[in-house]
Amino acid sequence: MPTVEQSVHMTTVSKEVAEAYADCWDYHPKVSAPYIDVPAWEAMEQRRNLEFFASRWLPRDDAQWIMEQWVKGYNDFAPSVIGRLPEEALIRIAREGSVCLYVKLPYGCKAKLPTAKRVLADERDEVFLQSSRCVRYWWD
């Protein structure tokens, strides 16, 4: 059972992700050829954040749950690929135009992070993020 602090962190990140990925909600503009509900799309376009970085690291399963709520699919990304990361993984959800996840393992963890191919990502880079070594996965 998560602590109150963990629940607050998850709620905070969920709200952040909901806004950053507002254009990924189960939103489909009304289409009746050849017209699109332009004002509705413009409202979603204004809410989204293409340069987003979540405020907290989350355990793998919490990050997956949040992405399942707000980003059911985005190009080659599907939340289910998060389950291919080690159970111990900590994830910082981001958006760099498209879906981006920063992933790190706890100190002393023997697990290894998968290749880009394994998680269907377009890019996999080892980076330092706030003094932490982690891997950046990006999907387009």
N, C-alpha and C. Protein backbone atom coordinates (compact mmCIF):
# COMPACT_ATOMS: atom_id res chain seq x y z
N MET A 1 0.85 -1.18 0.00
CA MET A 1 0.00 0.00 0.00
C MET A 1 0.90 1.25 0.00
N PRO A 2 0.63 2.19 -0.92
CA PRO A 2 1.48 3.38 -1.00
C PRO A 2 1.28 4.29 0.22
N THR A 3 2.32 5.03 0.53
CA THR A 3 2.23 6.00 1.61
C THR A 3 1.44 7.21 1.11
N VAL A 4 1.06 8.07 2.05
CA VAL A 4 0.35 9.30 1.67
C VAL A 4 1.24 10.13 0.75
N GLU A 5 2.53 10.22 1.07
CA GLU A 5 3.45 11.01 0.25
C GLU A 5 3.52 10.45 -1.18
N GLN A 6 3.60 9.13 -1.31
CA GLN A 6 3.64 8.53 -2.64
C GLN A 6 2.35 8.81 -3.41
N SER A 7 1.23 8.75 -2.73
CA SER A 7 -0.06 9.03 -3.38
C SER A 7 -0.14 10.48 -3.85
N VAL A 8 0.37 11.40 -3.03
CA VAL A 8 0.38 12.81 -3.42
C VAL A 8 1.28 13.02 -4.64
N HIS A 9 2.46 12.39 -4.65
CA HIS A 9 3.36 12.51 -5.79
C HIS A 9 2.70 11.99 -7.06
N MET A 10 2.05 10.85 -6.95
CA MET A 10 1.42 10.25 -8.12
C MET A 10 0.28 11.14 -8.63
N THR A 11 -0.51 11.68 -7.72
CA THR A 11 -1.60 12.58 -8.12
C THR A 11 -1.05 13.83 -8.79
N THR A 12 0.00 14.38 -8.23
CA THR A 12 0.62 15.58 -8.81
C THR A 12 1.10 15.31 -10.23
N VAL A 13 1.84 14.22 -10.40
CA VAL A 13 2.37 13.90 -11.73
C VAL A 13 1.23 13.58 -12.70
N SER A 14 0.20 12.91 -12.23
CA SER A 14 -0.92 12.60 -13.10
C SER A 14 -1.56 13.88 -13.64
N LYS A 15 -1.73 14.87 -12.79
CA LYS A 15 -2.30 16.14 -13.24
C LYS A 15 -1.37 16.84 -14.24
N GLU A 16 -0.07 16.78 -13.98
CA GLU A 16 0.89 17.39 -14.89
C GLU A 16 0.85 16.72 -16.27
N VAL A 17 0.83 15.39 -16.27
CA VAL A 17 0.81 14.63 -17.52
C VAL A 17 -0.49 14.88 -18.28
N ALA A 18 -1.60 14.95 -17.55
CA ALA A 18 -2.89 15.22 -18.19
C ALA A 18 -2.84 16.51 -18.99
N GLU A 19 -2.26 17.54 -18.42
CA GLU A 19 -2.16 18.82 -19.12
C GLU A 19 -1.16 18.77 -20.27
N ALA A 20 0.02 18.21 -20.00
CA ALA A 20 1.06 18.17 -21.04
C ALA A 20 0.61 17.39 -22.27
N TYR A 21 -0.17 16.35 -22.03
CA TYR A 21 -0.64 15.49 -23.12
C TYR A 21 -2.13 15.70 -23.40
N ALA A 22 -2.62 16.92 -23.20
CA ALA A 22 -4.05 17.20 -23.39
C ALA A 22 -4.54 16.80 -24.78
N ASP A 23 -3.68 16.89 -25.77
CA ASP A 23 -4.08 16.53 -27.13
C ASP A 23 -4.16 15.01 -27.34
N CYS A 24 -3.78 14.24 -26.33
CA CYS A 24 -3.81 12.77 -26.45
C CYS A 24 -5.00 12.16 -25.72
N TRP A 25 -5.80 12.97 -25.08
CA TRP A 25 -6.98 12.43 -24.43
C TRP A 25 -7.80 11.75 -25.50
N ASP A 26 -8.79 11.02 -25.12
CA ASP A 26 -9.65 10.37 -26.12
C ASP A 26 -10.44 11.44 -26.87
N TYR A 27 -9.72 12.34 -27.47
CA TYR A 27 -10.31 13.48 -28.15
C TYR A 27 -10.27 13.24 -29.66
N HIS A 28 -11.40 13.38 -30.25
CA HIS A 28 -11.47 13.29 -31.71
C HIS A 28 -12.34 14.44 -32.19
N PRO A 29 -11.77 15.38 -32.93
CA PRO A 29 -12.59 16.50 -33.39
C PRO A 29 -13.74 16.01 -34.25
N LYS A 30 -14.83 16.71 -34.18
CA LYS A 30 -15.97 16.37 -35.03
C LYS A 30 -15.55 16.55 -36.48
N VAL A 31 -15.74 15.53 -37.23
CA VAL A 31 -15.37 15.62 -38.64
C VAL A 31 -16.60 15.33 -39.47
N SER A 32 -16.96 16.28 -40.26
CA SER A 32 -17.99 16.05 -41.27
C SER A 32 -17.46 16.73 -42.51
N ALA A 33 -17.02 15.92 -43.41
CA ALA A 33 -16.26 16.37 -44.57
C ALA A 33 -16.80 17.67 -45.13
N PRO A 34 -15.99 18.60 -45.45
CA PRO A 34 -14.55 18.67 -45.21
C PRO A 34 -14.20 19.49 -43.97
N TYR A 35 -15.09 19.57 -42.99
CA TYR A 35 -14.90 20.47 -41.85
C TYR A 35 -14.40 19.74 -40.60
N ILE A 36 -13.56 20.40 -39.84
CA ILE A 36 -13.09 19.90 -38.54
C ILE A 36 -13.49 20.94 -37.51
N ASP A 37 -13.81 20.51 -36.33
CA ASP A 37 -14.17 21.42 -35.24
C ASP A 37 -12.90 22.16 -34.80
N VAL A 38 -12.54 23.18 -35.54
CA VAL A 38 -11.29 23.90 -35.33
C VAL A 38 -11.21 24.53 -33.93
N PRO A 39 -12.24 25.20 -33.43
CA PRO A 39 -12.12 25.78 -32.08
C PRO A 39 -11.82 24.73 -31.00
N ALA A 40 -12.41 23.55 -31.10
CA ALA A 40 -12.14 22.50 -30.11
C ALA A 40 -10.69 22.04 -30.19
N TRP A 41 -10.18 21.86 -31.40
CA TRP A 41 -8.77 21.45 -31.54
C TRP A 41 -7.85 22.55 -31.02
N GLU A 42 -8.13 23.79 -31.33
CA GLU A 42 -7.29 24.88 -30.87
C GLU A 42 -7.23 24.96 -29.34
N ALA A 43 -8.34 24.66 -28.68
CA ALA A 43 -8.36 24.64 -27.21
C ALA A 43 -7.42 23.57 -26.69
N MET A 44 -7.45 22.37 -27.27
CA MET A 44 -6.55 21.29 -26.85
C MET A 44 -5.10 21.64 -27.16
N GLU A 45 -4.88 22.23 -28.31
CA GLU A 45 -3.53 22.58 -28.72
C GLU A 45 -2.92 23.61 -27.76
N GLN A 46 -3.73 24.50 -27.23
CA GLN A 46 -3.24 25.50 -26.28
C GLN A 46 -2.91 24.88 -24.92
N ARG A 47 -3.58 23.81 -24.53
CA ARG A 47 -3.36 23.18 -23.22
C ARG A 47 -2.11 22.31 -23.20
N ARG A 48 -1.81 21.64 -24.30
CA ARG A 48 -0.70 20.70 -24.29
C ARG A 48 0.63 21.43 -24.08
N ASN A 49 1.63 20.66 -23.67
CA ASN A 49 2.96 21.22 -23.43
C ASN A 49 3.97 20.31 -24.11
N LEU A 50 4.53 20.76 -25.20
CA LEU A 50 5.46 19.94 -25.98
C LEU A 50 6.86 19.87 -25.37
N GLU A 51 7.12 20.68 -24.37
CA GLU A 51 8.41 20.67 -23.65
C GLU A 51 8.12 20.49 -22.17
N PHE A 52 7.75 19.29 -21.80
CA PHE A 52 7.28 18.98 -20.44
C PHE A 52 8.26 18.06 -19.72
N PHE A 53 8.40 18.28 -18.43
CA PHE A 53 9.23 17.44 -17.58
C PHE A 53 8.52 17.31 -16.23
N ALA A 54 8.12 16.11 -15.87
CA ALA A 54 7.37 15.90 -14.62
C ALA A 54 8.19 16.32 -13.41
N SER A 55 7.50 16.67 -12.36
CA SER A 55 8.15 17.17 -11.15
C SER A 55 8.73 16.07 -10.27
N ARG A 56 8.39 14.81 -10.52
CA ARG A 56 8.82 13.72 -9.64
C ARG A 56 9.19 12.46 -10.42
N TRP A 57 10.10 11.68 -9.82
CA TRP A 57 10.37 10.31 -10.28
C TRP A 57 9.28 9.43 -9.71
N LEU A 58 8.84 8.46 -10.47
CA LEU A 58 7.82 7.52 -10.02
C LEU A 58 8.28 6.09 -10.23
N PRO A 59 7.77 5.17 -9.39
CA PRO A 59 8.02 3.75 -9.66
C PRO A 59 7.43 3.37 -11.02
N ARG A 60 8.01 2.36 -11.63
CA ARG A 60 7.60 1.93 -12.97
C ARG A 60 6.09 1.75 -13.10
N ASP A 61 5.48 1.00 -12.19
CA ASP A 61 4.06 0.69 -12.33
C ASP A 61 3.17 1.92 -12.19
N ASP A 62 3.57 2.86 -11.34
CA ASP A 62 2.80 4.10 -11.20
C ASP A 62 2.90 4.92 -12.48
N ALA A 63 4.09 5.01 -13.05
CA ALA A 63 4.27 5.75 -14.31
C ALA A 63 3.45 5.11 -15.43
N GLN A 64 3.44 3.80 -15.48
CA GLN A 64 2.65 3.11 -16.51
C GLN A 64 1.17 3.41 -16.33
N TRP A 65 0.68 3.36 -15.10
CA TRP A 65 -0.73 3.62 -14.84
C TRP A 65 -1.11 5.02 -15.31
N ILE A 66 -0.27 6.00 -15.00
CA ILE A 66 -0.56 7.38 -15.40
C ILE A 66 -0.60 7.49 -16.93
N MET A 67 0.37 6.90 -17.59
CA MET A 67 0.39 6.97 -19.06
C MET A 67 -0.82 6.25 -19.66
N GLU A 68 -1.27 5.19 -19.02
CA GLU A 68 -2.47 4.49 -19.50
C GLU A 68 -3.71 5.38 -19.41
N GLN A 69 -3.73 6.28 -18.44
CA GLN A 69 -4.88 7.16 -18.27
C GLN A 69 -4.91 8.27 -19.32
N TRP A 70 -3.74 8.82 -19.65
CA TRP A 70 -3.69 10.04 -20.46
C TRP A 70 -3.08 9.88 -21.85
N VAL A 71 -2.25 8.87 -22.06
CA VAL A 71 -1.58 8.72 -23.35
C VAL A 71 -1.74 7.26 -23.80
N LYS A 72 -2.90 6.93 -24.23
CA LYS A 72 -3.19 5.54 -24.57
C LYS A 72 -2.33 5.04 -25.72
N GLY A 73 -1.95 5.94 -26.58
CA GLY A 73 -1.06 5.62 -27.69
C GLY A 73 -0.61 6.91 -28.33
N TYR A 74 0.62 6.92 -28.80
CA TYR A 74 1.14 8.12 -29.44
C TYR A 74 2.20 7.65 -30.42
N ASN A 75 1.88 7.67 -31.70
CA ASN A 75 2.78 7.14 -32.73
C ASN A 75 3.18 5.72 -32.34
N ASP A 76 4.47 5.44 -32.13
CA ASP A 76 4.91 4.08 -31.80
C ASP A 76 4.91 3.79 -30.30
N PHE A 77 4.50 4.76 -29.47
CA PHE A 77 4.48 4.55 -28.02
C PHE A 77 3.14 3.99 -27.59
N ALA A 78 3.19 3.01 -26.70
CA ALA A 78 2.01 2.51 -26.00
C ALA A 78 2.43 2.31 -24.55
N PRO A 79 1.59 2.65 -23.57
CA PRO A 79 1.97 2.51 -22.17
C PRO A 79 2.45 1.11 -21.79
N SER A 80 2.00 0.10 -22.48
CA SER A 80 2.38 -1.28 -22.16
C SER A 80 3.89 -1.51 -22.27
N VAL A 81 4.60 -0.72 -23.09
CA VAL A 81 6.05 -0.92 -23.22
C VAL A 81 6.78 -0.59 -21.93
N ILE A 82 6.17 0.21 -21.07
CA ILE A 82 6.80 0.53 -19.78
C ILE A 82 6.98 -0.73 -18.96
N GLY A 83 6.09 -1.68 -19.12
CA GLY A 83 6.19 -2.97 -18.42
C GLY A 83 7.41 -3.78 -18.82
N ARG A 84 8.08 -3.40 -19.90
CA ARG A 84 9.31 -4.09 -20.32
C ARG A 84 10.54 -3.57 -19.58
N LEU A 85 10.37 -2.50 -18.83
CA LEU A 85 11.47 -1.97 -18.01
C LEU A 85 11.55 -2.78 -16.72
N PRO A 86 12.71 -2.84 -16.08
CA PRO A 86 12.82 -3.58 -14.82
C PRO A 86 11.84 -3.05 -13.77
N GLU A 87 11.34 -3.93 -12.96
CA GLU A 87 10.37 -3.57 -11.92
C GLU A 87 10.91 -2.48 -10.99
N GLU A 88 12.21 -2.47 -10.78
CA GLU A 88 12.83 -1.51 -9.86
C GLU A 88 13.01 -0.12 -10.47
N ALA A 89 12.76 0.02 -11.76
CA ALA A 89 13.00 1.28 -12.47
C ALA A 89 12.20 2.43 -11.89
N LEU A 90 12.84 3.59 -11.89
CA LEU A 90 12.19 4.85 -11.54
C LEU A 90 12.10 5.67 -12.82
N ILE A 91 10.96 6.31 -13.03
CA ILE A 91 10.69 6.98 -14.30
C ILE A 91 10.29 8.43 -14.08
N ARG A 92 10.85 9.28 -14.91
CA ARG A 92 10.45 10.69 -14.96
C ARG A 92 9.78 10.88 -16.31
N ILE A 93 8.48 11.11 -16.30
CA ILE A 93 7.73 11.28 -17.53
C ILE A 93 8.03 12.67 -18.10
N ALA A 94 8.21 12.71 -19.41
CA ALA A 94 8.51 13.98 -20.07
C ALA A 94 7.80 14.02 -21.42
N ARG A 95 7.97 15.13 -22.09
CA ARG A 95 7.50 15.26 -23.47
C ARG A 95 8.46 16.19 -24.17
N GLU A 96 9.08 15.69 -25.18
CA GLU A 96 10.00 16.49 -25.99
C GLU A 96 9.46 16.44 -27.41
N GLY A 97 8.37 17.15 -27.62
CA GLY A 97 7.63 17.06 -28.87
C GLY A 97 6.76 15.82 -28.85
N SER A 98 7.39 14.68 -28.71
CA SER A 98 6.70 13.40 -28.60
C SER A 98 6.96 12.81 -27.21
N VAL A 99 6.54 11.59 -27.00
CA VAL A 99 6.69 10.94 -25.70
C VAL A 99 8.17 10.73 -25.37
N CYS A 100 8.52 11.04 -24.13
CA CYS A 100 9.89 10.87 -23.66
C CYS A 100 9.85 10.39 -22.21
N LEU A 101 10.65 9.41 -21.88
CA LEU A 101 10.77 8.92 -20.51
C LEU A 101 12.23 8.89 -20.12
N TYR A 102 12.52 9.38 -18.93
CA TYR A 102 13.85 9.26 -18.35
C TYR A 102 13.75 8.14 -17.33
N VAL A 103 14.67 7.20 -17.38
CA VAL A 103 14.59 6.00 -16.55
C VAL A 103 15.91 5.80 -15.83
N LYS A 104 15.82 5.51 -14.54
CA LYS A 104 17.03 5.18 -13.78
C LYS A 104 16.73 4.01 -12.86
N LEU A 105 17.81 3.36 -12.45
CA LEU A 105 17.71 2.23 -11.53
C LEU A 105 18.32 2.64 -10.19
N PRO A 106 17.79 2.11 -9.10
CA PRO A 106 18.35 2.43 -7.80
C PRO A 106 19.81 1.97 -7.70
N TYR A 107 20.57 2.66 -6.88
CA TYR A 107 21.97 2.32 -6.67
C TYR A 107 22.08 0.86 -6.23
N GLY A 108 22.98 0.12 -6.84
CA GLY A 108 23.21 -1.28 -6.49
C GLY A 108 22.29 -2.27 -7.18
N CYS A 109 21.33 -1.79 -7.94
CA CYS A 109 20.41 -2.68 -8.66
C CYS A 109 21.17 -3.40 -9.76
N LYS A 110 20.98 -4.69 -9.88
CA LYS A 110 21.69 -5.50 -10.88
C LYS A 110 20.98 -5.56 -12.23
N ALA A 111 19.73 -5.09 -12.28
CA ALA A 111 18.97 -5.13 -13.53
C ALA A 111 19.60 -4.21 -14.56
N LYS A 112 19.27 -4.45 -15.81
CA LYS A 112 19.76 -3.62 -16.91
C LYS A 112 18.56 -3.04 -17.65
N LEU A 113 18.76 -1.83 -18.15
CA LEU A 113 17.69 -1.21 -18.93
C LEU A 113 17.72 -1.72 -20.36
N PRO A 114 16.55 -1.93 -20.94
CA PRO A 114 16.48 -2.53 -22.28
C PRO A 114 16.93 -1.60 -23.40
N THR A 115 17.15 -2.20 -24.54
CA THR A 115 17.50 -1.46 -25.75
C THR A 115 16.29 -0.66 -26.24
N ALA A 116 16.54 0.27 -27.12
CA ALA A 116 15.45 1.03 -27.73
C ALA A 116 14.51 0.09 -28.48
N LYS A 117 15.08 -0.87 -29.17
CA LYS A 117 14.27 -1.82 -29.95
C LYS A 117 13.30 -2.58 -29.06
N ARG A 118 13.76 -2.98 -27.90
CA ARG A 118 12.93 -3.78 -26.97
C ARG A 118 11.69 -3.01 -26.52
N VAL A 119 11.81 -1.70 -26.38
CA VAL A 119 10.66 -0.89 -25.94
C VAL A 119 10.06 -0.08 -27.10
N LEU A 120 10.47 -0.42 -28.31
CA LEU A 120 9.95 0.19 -29.54
C LEU A 120 10.22 1.69 -29.62
N ALA A 121 11.29 2.16 -28.95
CA ALA A 121 11.64 3.58 -28.95
C ALA A 121 12.47 3.93 -30.17
N ASP A 122 12.38 5.18 -30.58
CA ASP A 122 13.18 5.67 -31.70
C ASP A 122 14.59 6.06 -31.24
N GLU A 123 14.70 6.47 -29.99
CA GLU A 123 16.00 6.89 -29.45
C GLU A 123 16.19 6.35 -28.05
N ARG A 124 17.45 6.03 -27.73
CA ARG A 124 17.85 5.63 -26.39
C ARG A 124 19.22 6.24 -26.14
N ASP A 125 19.30 7.13 -25.18
CA ASP A 125 20.55 7.82 -24.89
C ASP A 125 20.85 7.73 -23.40
N GLU A 126 22.12 7.51 -23.07
CA GLU A 126 22.53 7.58 -21.67
C GLU A 126 22.86 9.03 -21.38
N VAL A 127 22.24 9.57 -20.33
CA VAL A 127 22.39 10.98 -20.00
C VAL A 127 22.54 11.16 -18.50
N PHE A 128 22.97 12.36 -18.12
CA PHE A 128 22.95 12.76 -16.71
C PHE A 128 21.81 13.74 -16.55
N LEU A 129 20.98 13.49 -15.59
CA LEU A 129 19.83 14.34 -15.33
C LEU A 129 19.85 14.70 -13.85
N GLN A 130 20.04 15.95 -13.58
CA GLN A 130 20.12 16.41 -12.19
C GLN A 130 21.09 15.54 -11.38
N SER A 131 22.26 15.34 -11.92
CA SER A 131 23.35 14.58 -11.31
C SER A 131 23.08 13.08 -11.20
N SER A 132 22.05 12.60 -11.84
CA SER A 132 21.75 11.17 -11.84
C SER A 132 21.99 10.60 -13.23
N ARG A 133 22.69 9.48 -13.28
CA ARG A 133 22.86 8.78 -14.55
C ARG A 133 21.53 8.08 -14.85
N CYS A 134 21.04 8.28 -16.06
CA CYS A 134 19.80 7.63 -16.45
C CYS A 134 19.79 7.43 -17.96
N VAL A 135 18.73 6.82 -18.44
CA VAL A 135 18.55 6.58 -19.86
C VAL A 135 17.31 7.33 -20.32
N ARG A 136 17.46 8.01 -21.43
CA ARG A 136 16.37 8.75 -22.05
C ARG A 136 15.84 7.92 -23.22
N TYR A 137 14.55 7.60 -23.15
CA TYR A 137 13.87 6.91 -24.25
C TYR A 137 12.92 7.93 -24.89
N TRP A 138 12.88 7.92 -26.22
CA TRP A 138 12.03 8.86 -26.93
C TRP A 138 11.33 8.15 -28.08
N TRP A 139 10.05 8.41 -28.22
CA TRP A 139 9.24 7.80 -29.28
C TRP A 139 8.70 8.90 -30.17
N ASP A 140 8.67 8.62 -31.48
CA ASP A 140 8.04 9.55 -32.39
C ASP A 140 7.06 8.82 -33.27
